[in-house]
C-alpha atoms as a PDB file:
ATOM      1  CA  UNK A   1      -1.641 -24.157   5.007  1.00  0.00           C
ATOM      2  CA  UNK A   2      -4.100 -21.355   4.582  1.00  0.00           C
ATOM      3  CA  UNK A   3      -2.592 -17.825   4.463  1.00  0.00           C
ATOM      4  CA  UNK A   4      -4.781 -15.504   6.547  1.00  0.00           C
ATOM      5  CA  UNK A   5      -2.757 -12.313   6.058  1.00  0.00           C
ATOM      6  CA  UNK A   6      -4.558  -9.161   4.986  1.00  0.00           C
ATOM      7  CA  UNK A   7      -3.875  -7.817   1.518  1.00  0.00           C
ATOM      8  CA  UNK A   8      -4.449  -4.328   0.183  1.00  0.00           C
ATOM      9  CA  UNK A   9      -3.655  -2.597  -3.089  1.00  0.00           C
ATOM     10  CA  UNK A  10      -2.742   1.048  -3.498  1.00  0.00           C
ATOM     11  CA  UNK A  11      -0.507   3.620  -5.134  1.00  0.00           C
ATOM     12  CA  UNK A  12       3.176   4.189  -4.256  1.00  0.00           C
ATOM     13  CA  UNK A  13       3.445   7.792  -3.011  1.00  0.00           C
ATOM     14  CA  UNK A  14       7.102   7.986  -2.118  1.00  0.00           C
ATOM     15  CA  UNK A  15      10.170   5.778  -2.559  1.00  0.00           C
ATOM     16  CA  UNK A  16      12.890   8.091  -1.157  1.00  0.00           C
ATOM     17  CA  UNK A  17      13.793   5.819   1.794  1.00  0.00           C
ATOM     18  CA  UNK A  18      15.931   2.762   1.439  1.00  0.00           C
ATOM     19  CA  UNK A  19      13.912  -0.445   1.255  1.00  0.00           C
ATOM     20  CA  UNK A  20      10.777   1.367   2.200  1.00  0.00           C
ATOM     21  CA  UNK A  21       7.939   2.858   0.169  1.00  0.00           C
ATOM     22  CA  UNK A  22       4.846   4.845   1.272  1.00  0.00           C
ATOM     23  CA  UNK A  23       1.697   3.448  -0.175  1.00  0.00           C
ATOM     24  CA  UNK A  24      -1.613   5.358  -0.230  1.00  0.00           C
ATOM     25  CA  UNK A  25      -4.691   3.245   0.129  1.00  0.00           C
ATOM     26  CA  UNK A  26      -8.026   4.901  -0.793  1.00  0.00           C
ATOM     27  CA  UNK A  27     -11.306   3.255   0.110  1.00  0.00           C
ATOM     28  CA  UNK A  28     -14.830   4.467  -0.302  1.00  0.00           C
ATOM     29  CA  UNK A  29     -17.872   3.553   1.690  1.00  0.00           C
ATOM     30  CA  UNK A  30     -21.404   4.872   2.038  1.00  0.00           C
ATOM     31  CA  UNK A  31     -21.925   7.266   4.950  1.00  0.00           C
ATOM     32  CA  UNK A  32     -24.098   5.497   7.600  1.00  0.00           C
ATOM     33  CA  UNK A  33     -26.768   8.244   7.782  1.00  0.00           C
ATOM     34  CA  UNK A  34     -26.580  10.127   4.490  1.00  0.00           C
ATOM     35  CA  UNK A  35     -25.690   7.229   2.160  1.00  0.00           C
ATOM     36  CA  UNK A  36     -23.285   9.442   0.139  1.00  0.00           C
ATOM     37  CA  UNK A  37     -20.085   7.675  -0.680  1.00  0.00           C
ATOM     38  CA  UNK A  38     -17.169   9.024   1.237  1.00  0.00           C
ATOM     39  CA  UNK A  39     -13.499   8.577   0.281  1.00  0.00           C
ATOM     40  CA  UNK A  40     -10.983   7.860   2.991  1.00  0.00           C
ATOM     41  CA  UNK A  41      -7.256   7.507   2.405  1.00  0.00           C
ATOM     42  CA  UNK A  42      -4.535   6.140   4.607  1.00  0.00           C
ATOM     43  CA  UNK A  43      -0.756   5.927   4.211  1.00  0.00           C
ATOM     44  CA  UNK A  44       1.160   2.699   4.985  1.00  0.00           C
ATOM     45  CA  UNK A  45       4.894   2.279   5.300  1.00  0.00           C
ATOM     46  CA  UNK A  46       5.715  -0.810   3.385  1.00  0.00           C
ATOM     47  CA  UNK A  47       8.947  -2.941   3.111  1.00  0.00           C
ATOM     48  CA  UNK A  48      10.394  -3.150  -0.343  1.00  0.00           C
ATOM     49  CA  UNK A  49      13.383  -5.521  -0.155  1.00  0.00           C
ATOM     50  CA  UNK A  50      14.893  -4.897  -3.614  1.00  0.00           C
ATOM     51  CA  UNK A  51      13.832  -1.234  -4.080  1.00  0.00           C
ATOM     52  CA  UNK A  52      11.880  -2.110  -7.237  1.00  0.00           C
ATOM     53  CA  UNK A  53       8.884   0.176  -6.626  1.00  0.00           C
ATOM     54  CA  UNK A  54       8.688   3.618  -8.319  1.00  0.00           C
ATOM     55  CA  UNK A  55       6.394   6.473  -7.493  1.00  0.00           C
ATOM     56  CA  UNK A  56       3.086   6.010  -9.235  1.00  0.00           C
ATOM     57  CA  UNK A  57       3.188   2.159  -9.258  1.00  0.00           C
ATOM     58  CA  UNK A  58       0.138   0.166  -8.156  1.00  0.00           C
ATOM     59  CA  UNK A  59       1.197  -2.518  -5.691  1.00  0.00           C
ATOM     60  CA  UNK A  60      -0.313  -5.341  -3.726  1.00  0.00           C
ATOM     61  CA  UNK A  61       0.816  -5.285  -0.095  1.00  0.00           C
ATOM     62  CA  UNK A  62       0.398  -7.943   2.591  1.00  0.00           C
ATOM     63  CA  UNK A  63       0.508  -7.861   6.395  1.00  0.00           C
ATOM     64  CA  UNK A  64       3.630  -8.960   8.171  1.00  0.00           C
ATOM     65  CA  UNK A  65       5.317  -8.978  11.494  1.00  0.00           C
ATOM     66  CA  UNK A  66       6.595  -5.541  12.720  1.00  0.00           C
ATOM     67  CA  UNK A  67       9.761  -4.676  10.781  1.00  0.00           C
ATOM     68  CA  UNK A  68      10.372  -1.277  12.423  1.00  0.00           C
ATOM     69  CA  UNK A  69       8.539   1.426  14.406  1.00  0.00           C
ATOM     70  CA  UNK A  70       6.115   2.111  11.525  1.00  0.00           C
ATOM     71  CA  UNK A  71       6.498  -0.778   9.003  1.00  0.00           C
ATOM     72  CA  UNK A  72       4.003  -3.651   9.352  1.00  0.00           C
ATOM     73  CA  UNK A  73       3.400  -4.425   5.622  1.00  0.00           C
ATOM     74  CA  UNK A  74       5.445  -5.923   2.770  1.00  0.00           C
ATOM     75  CA  UNK A  75       5.213  -5.540  -1.021  1.00  0.00           C
ATOM     76  CA  UNK A  76       3.757  -8.785  -2.352  1.00  0.00           C
ATOM     77  CA  UNK A  77       3.833  -7.790  -6.087  1.00  0.00           C
ATOM     78  CA  UNK A  78       3.750  -4.848  -8.367  1.00  0.00           C
ATOM     79  CA  UNK A  79       0.393  -4.870 -10.127  1.00  0.00           C
ATOM     80  CA  UNK A  80       1.056  -2.040 -12.607  1.00  0.00           C
ATOM     81  CA  UNK A  81       4.085   0.023 -13.283  1.00  0.00           C
ATOM     82  CA  UNK A  82       3.931   3.814 -13.504  1.00  0.00           C
ATOM     83  CA  UNK A  83       3.935   5.396 -16.924  1.00  0.00           C
ATOM     84  CA  UNK A  84       7.318   6.747 -17.968  1.00  0.00           C
ATOM     85  CA  UNK A  85       7.323  10.328 -19.055  1.00  0.00           C
END
C-alpha cells in the first residue's frame, strides 16, 4: 500500500511539554513579482511518543490524524541530533 502522508523536516524549537515538541519549518520560495527568495517559517506541534527529541534536533515529521487541538503531526525519525555543549 502506498503511503500518501505529507513529510516535512525541521528543527525542534521546544520540548518542554510531555510527548509534544514544537518544530520550526523554514521554506524559501521566489517572490512572484520580484523574484527575490523569501524565507517563510511556520511552527508545528508534533507528537513525540517517547520524549526522545531535544532542542536543536533536526527531525522528519509526518502527517497524522488529529491527536489534540493543535497536534496533527508525528515524529517519524530524528535525522540529526543537536550538538552537546
